[in-house]
Amino acid sequence: MRRIAICAATAAVALTGCSTTGAGDAASPGSSTSASVEAAPSVTSTADPAATAALGKATAALGTSSYTMTVTAGTGFNLTALLDPPGGKGTAELTASGPNTEITVKSLLIGEDLWAQIPGITKDGTWTHLDMSRLPEGANVGLRPGRIDPVDTANLLASTTDVQSSGGNTYSGTVDLTKAAGIAGLDRVTIDGYGSAAQRVPFTVALDKQGRLATLTLTPPAVNGTAIAPIEARYTDYGRAVAAEKPQDATVVEAPDDVYKALGGQ
């Protein structure tokens, strides 16, 4: 049991993200929840109807096509996912790192089932099956049933009330992070720690020539005067085939209780 507990704690580092700071580097998004957070400035501008329509069309397209998503947050979080929303399936590889620690977790989502390969938990050639009903909102395991997009892009951008065109195919404004917990290690506790600043987080978006999302960059609130590493999501390879098949039963093991407890679940 002691070995399982240690492995579960190690897995939690990867599944919830790691904080990394270094000389000249900004802190990672989840590096502090109890520190003083700088409040975001009030926004008085109103949304540009044309910009709102462009973003709405672009986010709606995410549900009609497969694509590749890459999410980074400083040097401590990197996630690459191959997603097929119409088919309800996807694969992802999440690498989280911190001082003297680097963990890579692979996940596979088909319908309502999520499997993962977690170092120290999953044996070679097998998959660990996770019951997401036992995990808190925002627990980051790369993918999750009911929200195939790791950034929950559509809900996040739907929260903006002040989007403006920045010229060409670029847009900017603020979004409400409380609408999309689990982005790059930002769990509900971290977001709540931002206070009211979480509801006015600056973003920029670039669309491709077809009006589809190309990049989304979020700038979390500063903590104790220290800038937090931006979160960047890139959307590429629209229409690519996503190879995701349910693992054979003989290769699947249910996650032990310690994994859920280490991730704040039951």
Foldseek 3Di string as FASTA:
>chain_A
DVLLLVLLLLLLCQQLAHWADDVVFFIWLQPDLQFDFDADDDDDAFADVVQLVLLLVQVVVPQVWWWWKWKDWTPFWIKIKTDDNVQFWIKMWIWGDYVVDIWIKIWITGAQWIWIDGPSFADPPFTATEDCVQADPQRGRRAHHPQRDQQSSNQFSVQFGHWDDPDDQKIKFFTQCCRGHNRNNRHPSRLVSNPNNNGGWIKMWGADPVSHTAKIKTFGTAGPPTGTGIMMMGIGDIRDDHDGDDDDPVRYDYGDPSNSVSNVGD
